[in-house]
Amino acid sequence: MEKTKENTREKKNSGRRGSSFGKVKPEFDQKILDIRRVTRVVAGGRRFSFSVALVAGDKKGCVGLGLGKAGDTALAINKALRNARKNMVRLHLTKTMSIPHELPAKYSSSCVILMPNKGRGLVAGSVVRDIVKLSGMKDITGKILSNSKNKLNNAKAVMLALSQISSKYAKPLPENIVVANKVPTPEVVGVPTKSVGKIKEELES
């Protein structure tokens, strides 16, 4: 009787261990950038809904930004993730998972710039860091040149900058093909770059 009890306990424990290790890892990592509660006044009173801005990426050169609106927070997050997957783009990076050149961009009142920075790692903050990190890029400096505190506009400006070296996300490639090295870009040495102030003036003009 004692042996049979021990055997049944071992089987139960082994099943529990297997269930924890059997979970499937999601294809894309995600990060919520902003959650806002929106109030709409109608004839019957006020109606509340939630707006979620979310970024998703596989840390291998693919990243996407999505916006979801719903009456429930969880439903809004699911919609944002679905839209982020639809808007997924594939970045053409260098062999070191960096960008080939400076990428300035402006969206609404937000101005950003991404610059390659060899050997310095990721130097960025706010939504710029979240997007760059989920895309898998390294050795990059990101700056928000404007005074805008709107996270969604700043995120759209970053995606607009990345669109200069991206293509629309398609079916996943085989494992033996590296996405980042799809379009090799020669590194230019000895060419002076523009100052951040001059780039900011050009974007605002």
C-alpha atoms as a PDB file:
ATOM      1  CA  MET A   1       0.000   0.000   0.000  1.00  0.00           C
ATOM      2  CA  GLU A   2       2.822   2.421   0.911  1.00  0.00           C
ATOM      3  CA  LYS A   3       4.581   1.814  -2.423  1.00  0.00           C
ATOM      4  CA  THR A   4       1.436   2.475  -4.405  1.00  0.00           C
ATOM      5  CA  LYS A   5       0.870   5.758  -2.526  1.00  0.00           C
ATOM      6  CA  GLU A   6       4.450   6.875  -3.238  1.00  0.00           C
ATOM      7  CA  ASN A   7       4.069   6.017  -6.930  1.00  0.00           C
ATOM      8  CA  THR A   8       0.860   8.027  -7.218  1.00  0.00           C
ATOM      9  CA  ARG A   9       2.526  11.033  -5.525  1.00  0.00           C
ATOM     10  CA  GLU A  10       5.497  10.856  -7.902  1.00  0.00           C
ATOM     11  CA  LYS A  11       3.160  10.753 -10.900  1.00  0.00           C
ATOM     12  CA  LYS A  12       1.251  13.800  -9.638  1.00  0.00           C
ATOM     13  CA  ASN A  13       4.454  15.761  -9.002  1.00  0.00           C
ATOM     14  CA  SER A  14       5.887  14.815 -12.388  1.00  0.00           C
ATOM     15  CA  GLY A  15       2.694  16.028 -14.056  1.00  0.00           C
ATOM     16  CA  ARG A  16       2.931  19.356 -12.283  1.00  0.00           C
ATOM     17  CA  ARG A  17       6.532  19.823 -13.314  1.00  0.00           C
ATOM     18  CA  GLY A  18       5.707  18.970 -16.907  1.00  0.00           C
ATOM     19  CA  SER A  19       2.832  21.450 -17.016  1.00  0.00           C
ATOM     20  CA  SER A  20       5.085  24.339 -15.899  1.00  0.00           C
ATOM     21  CA  PHE A  21       7.782  23.547 -18.445  1.00  0.00           C
ATOM     22  CA  GLY A  22       5.324  22.825 -21.246  1.00  0.00           C
ATOM     23  CA  LYS A  23       4.241  26.448 -21.684  1.00  0.00           C
ATOM     24  CA  VAL A  24       4.814  27.869 -25.149  1.00  0.00           C
ATOM     25  CA  LYS A  25       6.898  31.051 -25.265  1.00  0.00           C
ATOM     26  CA  PRO A  26       5.119  33.901 -27.104  1.00  0.00           C
ATOM     27  CA  GLU A  27       6.427  34.836 -30.538  1.00  0.00           C
ATOM     28  CA  PHE A  28       6.775  38.540 -29.669  1.00  0.00           C
ATOM     29  CA  ASP A  29       7.662  40.333 -26.446  1.00  0.00           C
ATOM     30  CA  GLN A  30       5.487  43.315 -25.612  1.00  0.00           C
ATOM     31  CA  LYS A  31       5.672  46.522 -23.600  1.00  0.00           C
ATOM     32  CA  ILE A  32       2.800  48.874 -22.732  1.00  0.00           C
ATOM     33  CA  LEU A  33       3.845  52.455 -23.447  1.00  0.00           C
ATOM     34  CA  ASP A  34       0.757  54.316 -22.264  1.00  0.00           C
ATOM     35  CA  ILE A  35      -2.733  53.644 -20.865  1.00  0.00           C
ATOM     36  CA  ARG A  36      -5.317  56.425 -20.891  1.00  0.00           C
ATOM     37  CA  ARG A  37      -8.907  56.546 -19.695  1.00  0.00           C
ATOM     38  CA  VAL A  38     -11.125  58.357 -22.176  1.00  0.00           C
ATOM     39  CA  THR A  39     -14.449  59.906 -21.135  1.00  0.00           C
ATOM     40  CA  ARG A  40     -17.232  60.489 -23.659  1.00  0.00           C
ATOM     41  CA  VAL A  41     -20.331  62.481 -22.691  1.00  0.00           C
ATOM     42  CA  VAL A  42     -23.569  61.251 -24.281  1.00  0.00           C
ATOM     43  CA  ALA A  43     -27.259  61.911 -23.680  1.00  0.00           C
ATOM     44  CA  GLY A  44     -27.487  59.129 -21.075  1.00  0.00           C
ATOM     45  CA  GLY A  45     -24.420  60.317 -19.153  1.00  0.00           C
ATOM     46  CA  ARG A  46     -20.687  59.593 -19.290  1.00  0.00           C
ATOM     47  CA  ARG A  47     -19.144  56.589 -20.971  1.00  0.00           C
ATOM     48  CA  PHE A  48     -15.627  55.479 -20.067  1.00  0.00           C
ATOM     49  CA  SER A  49     -13.208  53.607 -22.297  1.00  0.00           C
ATOM     50  CA  PHE A  50      -9.496  52.811 -22.251  1.00  0.00           C
ATOM     51  CA  SER A  51      -6.840  53.568 -24.864  1.00  0.00           C
ATOM     52  CA  VAL A  52      -3.624  51.517 -24.836  1.00  0.00           C
ATOM     53  CA  ALA A  53      -0.418  52.161 -26.804  1.00  0.00           C
ATOM     54  CA  LEU A  54       1.753  49.057 -27.034  1.00  0.00           C
ATOM     55  CA  VAL A  55       4.965  48.023 -28.785  1.00  0.00           C
ATOM     56  CA  ALA A  56       5.829  44.418 -29.691  1.00  0.00           C
ATOM     57  CA  GLY A  57       9.030  42.901 -31.067  1.00  0.00           C
ATOM     58  CA  ASP A  58      10.998  39.663 -31.373  1.00  0.00           C
ATOM     59  CA  LYS A  59      14.412  41.213 -30.492  1.00  0.00           C
ATOM     60  CA  LYS A  60      15.708  39.945 -33.847  1.00  0.00           C
ATOM     61  CA  GLY A  61      15.005  42.952 -36.074  1.00  0.00           C
ATOM     62  CA  CYS A  62      11.181  43.056 -36.104  1.00  0.00           C
ATOM     63  CA  VAL A  63       9.097  45.611 -34.198  1.00  0.00           C
ATOM     64  CA  GLY A  64       5.591  47.065 -34.377  1.00  0.00           C
ATOM     65  CA  LEU A  65       3.461  49.727 -32.694  1.00  0.00           C
ATOM     66  CA  GLY A  66      -0.238  49.241 -31.972  1.00  0.00           C
ATOM     67  CA  LEU A  67      -3.130  51.208 -30.473  1.00  0.00           C
ATOM     68  CA  GLY A  68      -6.202  49.595 -28.919  1.00  0.00           C
ATOM     69  CA  LYS A  69      -9.437  51.103 -27.591  1.00  0.00           C
ATOM     70  CA  ALA A  70     -12.105  49.254 -25.600  1.00  0.00           C
ATOM     71  CA  GLY A  71     -14.326  49.500 -22.551  1.00  0.00           C
ATOM     72  CA  ASP A  72     -12.105  47.043 -20.660  1.00  0.00           C
ATOM     73  CA  THR A  73      -8.346  47.330 -20.079  1.00  0.00           C
ATOM     74  CA  ALA A  74      -7.591  43.694 -20.954  1.00  0.00           C
ATOM     75  CA  LEU A  75      -9.594  43.922 -24.180  1.00  0.00           C
ATOM     76  CA  ALA A  76      -7.822  47.167 -25.130  1.00  0.00           C
ATOM     77  CA  ILE A  77      -4.423  45.503 -24.566  1.00  0.00           C
ATOM     78  CA  ASN A  78      -5.414  42.552 -26.781  1.00  0.00           C
ATOM     79  CA  LYS A  79      -6.527  44.933 -29.548  1.00  0.00           C
ATOM     80  CA  ALA A  80      -3.285  46.920 -29.264  1.00  0.00           C
ATOM     81  CA  LEU A  81      -1.220  43.723 -29.497  1.00  0.00           C
ATOM     82  CA  ARG A  82      -3.195  42.611 -32.556  1.00  0.00           C
ATOM     83  CA  ASN A  83      -2.598  45.971 -34.252  1.00  0.00           C
ATOM     84  CA  ALA A  84       1.094  45.889 -33.319  1.00  0.00           C
ATOM     85  CA  ARG A  85       1.433  42.510 -35.040  1.00  0.00           C
ATOM     86  CA  LYS A  86      -0.346  43.912 -38.122  1.00  0.00           C
ATOM     87  CA  ASN A  87       1.983  46.937 -38.215  1.00  0.00           C
ATOM     88  CA  MET A  88       5.126  44.829 -37.726  1.00  0.00           C
ATOM     89  CA  VAL A  89       8.120  45.933 -39.809  1.00  0.00           C
ATOM     90  CA  ARG A  90      11.398  44.185 -40.533  1.00  0.00           C
ATOM     91  CA  LEU A  91      14.506  46.324 -39.975  1.00  0.00           C
ATOM     92  CA  HIS A  92      17.575  46.083 -42.207  1.00  0.00           C
ATOM     93  CA  LEU A  93      20.380  46.337 -39.649  1.00  0.00           C
ATOM     94  CA  THR A  94      24.143  45.950 -39.784  1.00  0.00           C
ATOM     95  CA  LYS A  95      26.013  42.802 -38.730  1.00  0.00           C
ATOM     96  CA  THR A  96      26.399  44.228 -35.222  1.00  0.00           C
ATOM     97  CA  MET A  97      22.600  44.759 -34.930  1.00  0.00           C
ATOM     98  CA  SER A  98      22.970  48.543 -35.220  1.00  0.00           C
ATOM     99  CA  ILE A  99      21.696  51.123 -37.721  1.00  0.00           C
ATOM    100  CA  PRO A 100      23.820  52.072 -40.753  1.00  0.00           C
ATOM    101  CA  HIS A 101      23.388  55.860 -40.402  1.00  0.00           C
ATOM    102  CA  GLU A 102      21.540  58.618 -38.516  1.00  0.00           C
ATOM    103  CA  LEU A 103      17.740  58.449 -38.644  1.00  0.00           C
ATOM    104  CA  PRO A 104      15.984  61.761 -37.868  1.00  0.00           C
ATOM    105  CA  ALA A 105      12.189  62.015 -37.995  1.00  0.00           C
ATOM    106  CA  LYS A 106       9.311  64.289 -37.021  1.00  0.00           C
ATOM    107  CA  TYR A 107       5.709  63.355 -36.242  1.00  0.00           C
ATOM    108  CA  SER A 108       3.313  66.120 -35.217  1.00  0.00           C
ATOM    109  CA  SER A 109       5.233  68.124 -32.574  1.00  0.00           C
ATOM    110  CA  SER A 110       7.649  65.270 -31.731  1.00  0.00           C
ATOM    111  CA  CYS A 111      11.193  65.246 -33.127  1.00  0.00           C
ATOM    112  CA  VAL A 112      13.546  62.306 -32.569  1.00  0.00           C
ATOM    113  CA  ILE A 113      16.891  61.122 -33.867  1.00  0.00           C
ATOM    114  CA  LEU A 114      18.582  57.715 -33.741  1.00  0.00           C
ATOM    115  CA  MET A 115      22.353  57.578 -34.152  1.00  0.00           C
ATOM    116  CA  PRO A 116      24.782  54.635 -34.412  1.00  0.00           C
ATOM    117  CA  ASN A 117      27.179  54.568 -31.482  1.00  0.00           C
ATOM    118  CA  LYS A 118      29.746  51.789 -31.778  1.00  0.00           C
ATOM    119  CA  GLY A 119      30.764  50.172 -28.514  1.00  0.00           C
ATOM    120  CA  ARG A 120      28.526  52.310 -26.290  1.00  0.00           C
ATOM    121  CA  GLY A 121      25.496  50.042 -26.052  1.00  0.00           C
ATOM    122  CA  LEU A 122      21.937  51.372 -25.858  1.00  0.00           C
ATOM    123  CA  VAL A 123      21.792  55.017 -24.748  1.00  0.00           C
ATOM    124  CA  ALA A 124      18.163  56.152 -24.789  1.00  0.00           C
ATOM    125  CA  GLY A 125      15.218  56.753 -22.508  1.00  0.00           C
ATOM    126  CA  SER A 126      11.433  56.797 -22.395  1.00  0.00           C
ATOM    127  CA  VAL A 127       9.591  55.172 -25.328  1.00  0.00           C
ATOM    128  CA  VAL A 128      12.706  55.325 -27.531  1.00  0.00           C
ATOM    129  CA  ARG A 129      14.449  52.814 -25.288  1.00  0.00           C
ATOM    130  CA  ASP A 130      11.434  50.488 -25.173  1.00  0.00           C
ATOM    131  CA  ILE A 131      11.074  50.349 -28.970  1.00  0.00           C
ATOM    132  CA  VAL A 132      14.800  49.968 -29.660  1.00  0.00           C
ATOM    133  CA  LYS A 133      15.167  47.279 -26.986  1.00  0.00           C
ATOM    134  CA  LEU A 134      12.283  45.159 -28.303  1.00  0.00           C
ATOM    135  CA  SER A 135      13.639  45.414 -31.849  1.00  0.00           C
ATOM    136  CA  GLY A 136      16.960  43.921 -30.699  1.00  0.00           C
ATOM    137  CA  MET A 137      19.152  46.814 -31.848  1.00  0.00           C
ATOM    138  CA  LYS A 138      22.452  47.535 -30.089  1.00  0.00           C
ATOM    139  CA  ASP A 139      25.028  50.348 -29.967  1.00  0.00           C
ATOM    140  CA  ILE A 140      22.460  53.095 -30.583  1.00  0.00           C
ATOM    141  CA  THR A 141      21.916  56.548 -29.104  1.00  0.00           C
ATOM    142  CA  GLY A 142      18.346  57.858 -29.237  1.00  0.00           C
ATOM    143  CA  LYS A 143      17.257  61.406 -28.423  1.00  0.00           C
ATOM    144  CA  ILE A 144      13.926  63.220 -28.259  1.00  0.00           C
ATOM    145  CA  LEU A 145      14.739  66.683 -29.605  1.00  0.00           C
ATOM    146  CA  SER A 146      11.346  68.272 -28.901  1.00  0.00           C
ATOM    147  CA  ASN A 147       9.675  69.133 -25.603  1.00  0.00           C
ATOM    148  CA  SER A 148       6.664  66.938 -26.335  1.00  0.00           C
ATOM    149  CA  LYS A 149       5.571  64.669 -23.463  1.00  0.00           C
ATOM    150  CA  ASN A 150       3.065  62.780 -25.619  1.00  0.00           C
ATOM    151  CA  LYS A 151       4.310  59.176 -25.511  1.00  0.00           C
ATOM    152  CA  LEU A 152       2.220  58.067 -28.476  1.00  0.00           C
ATOM    153  CA  ASN A 153       3.518  60.851 -30.741  1.00  0.00           C
ATOM    154  CA  ASN A 154       7.100  60.171 -29.618  1.00  0.00           C
ATOM    155  CA  ALA A 155       6.639  56.465 -30.350  1.00  0.00           C
ATOM    156  CA  LYS A 156       5.204  57.215 -33.807  1.00  0.00           C
ATOM    157  CA  ALA A 157       8.176  59.492 -34.502  1.00  0.00           C
ATOM    158  CA  VAL A 158      10.562  56.647 -33.601  1.00  0.00           C
ATOM    159  CA  MET A 159       8.698  54.237 -35.888  1.00  0.00           C
ATOM    160  CA  LEU A 160       8.787  56.857 -38.647  1.00  0.00           C
ATOM    161  CA  ALA A 161      12.567  57.088 -38.225  1.00  0.00           C
ATOM    162  CA  LEU A 162      12.901  53.298 -38.373  1.00  0.00           C
ATOM    163  CA  SER A 163      10.734  53.170 -41.509  1.00  0.00           C
ATOM    164  CA  GLN A 164      13.748  54.544 -43.421  1.00  0.00           C
ATOM    165  CA  ILE A 165      15.506  51.182 -42.962  1.00  0.00           C
ATOM    166  CA  SER A 166      12.513  48.854 -42.768  1.00  0.00           C
ATOM    167  CA  SER A 167      10.186  46.796 -44.908  1.00  0.00           C
ATOM    168  CA  LYS A 168       6.709  45.434 -44.141  1.00  0.00           C
ATOM    169  CA  TYR A 169       6.799  42.296 -42.035  1.00  0.00           C
ATOM    170  CA  ALA A 170       6.057  39.132 -44.024  1.00  0.00           C
ATOM    171  CA  LYS A 171       6.104  35.423 -43.193  1.00  0.00           C
ATOM    172  CA  PRO A 172       8.944  34.420 -40.817  1.00  0.00           C
ATOM    173  CA  LEU A 173      12.112  33.291 -42.571  1.00  0.00           C
ATOM    174  CA  PRO A 174      13.819  29.949 -41.855  1.00  0.00           C
ATOM    175  CA  GLU A 175      16.061  29.790 -38.783  1.00  0.00           C
ATOM    176  CA  ASN A 176      19.279  29.585 -40.814  1.00  0.00           C
ATOM    177  CA  ILE A 177      18.631  33.037 -42.365  1.00  0.00           C
ATOM    178  CA  VAL A 178      19.487  36.078 -40.250  1.00  0.00           C
ATOM    179  CA  VAL A 179      16.937  38.862 -40.760  1.00  0.00           C
ATOM    180  CA  ALA A 180      19.292  41.644 -39.758  1.00  0.00           C
ATOM    181  CA  ASN A 181      21.796  40.745 -42.477  1.00  0.00           C
ATOM    182  CA  LYS A 182      19.254  40.579 -45.312  1.00  0.00           C
ATOM    183  CA  VAL A 183      20.435  43.861 -46.846  1.00  0.00           C
ATOM    184  CA  PRO A 184      24.122  44.465 -46.060  1.00  0.00           C
ATOM    185  CA  THR A 185      24.985  48.140 -45.752  1.00  0.00           C
ATOM    186  CA  PRO A 186      28.627  49.291 -45.965  1.00  0.00           C
ATOM    187  CA  GLU A 187      29.804  51.397 -43.047  1.00  0.00           C
ATOM    188  CA  VAL A 188      30.948  54.855 -44.096  1.00  0.00           C
ATOM    189  CA  VAL A 189      34.126  55.999 -42.348  1.00  0.00           C
ATOM    190  CA  GLY A 190      35.455  59.548 -42.159  1.00  0.00           C
ATOM    191  CA  VAL A 191      32.274  61.341 -43.292  1.00  0.00           C
ATOM    192  CA  PRO A 192      31.358  64.196 -40.919  1.00  0.00           C
ATOM    193  CA  THR A 193      27.800  64.002 -39.561  1.00  0.00           C
ATOM    194  CA  LYS A 194      25.447  66.926 -38.930  1.00  0.00           C
ATOM    195  CA  SER A 195      25.079  68.341 -35.458  1.00  0.00           C
ATOM    196  CA  VAL A 196      21.934  67.583 -33.456  1.00  0.00           C
ATOM    197  CA  GLY A 197      20.991  71.272 -33.438  1.00  0.00           C
ATOM    198  CA  LYS A 198      21.152  71.533 -37.227  1.00  0.00           C
ATOM    199  CA  ILE A 199      19.047  68.384 -37.648  1.00  0.00           C
ATOM    200  CA  LYS A 200      16.462  69.787 -35.222  1.00  0.00           C
ATOM    201  CA  GLU A 201      16.261  73.032 -37.246  1.00  0.00           C
ATOM    202  CA  GLU A 202      15.738  71.074 -40.485  1.00  0.00           C
ATOM    203  CA  LEU A 203      12.965  68.968 -38.944  1.00  0.00           C
ATOM    204  CA  GLU A 204      11.137  71.979 -37.511  1.00  0.00           C
ATOM    205  CA  SER A 205      11.377  74.016 -40.724  1.00  0.00           C
END
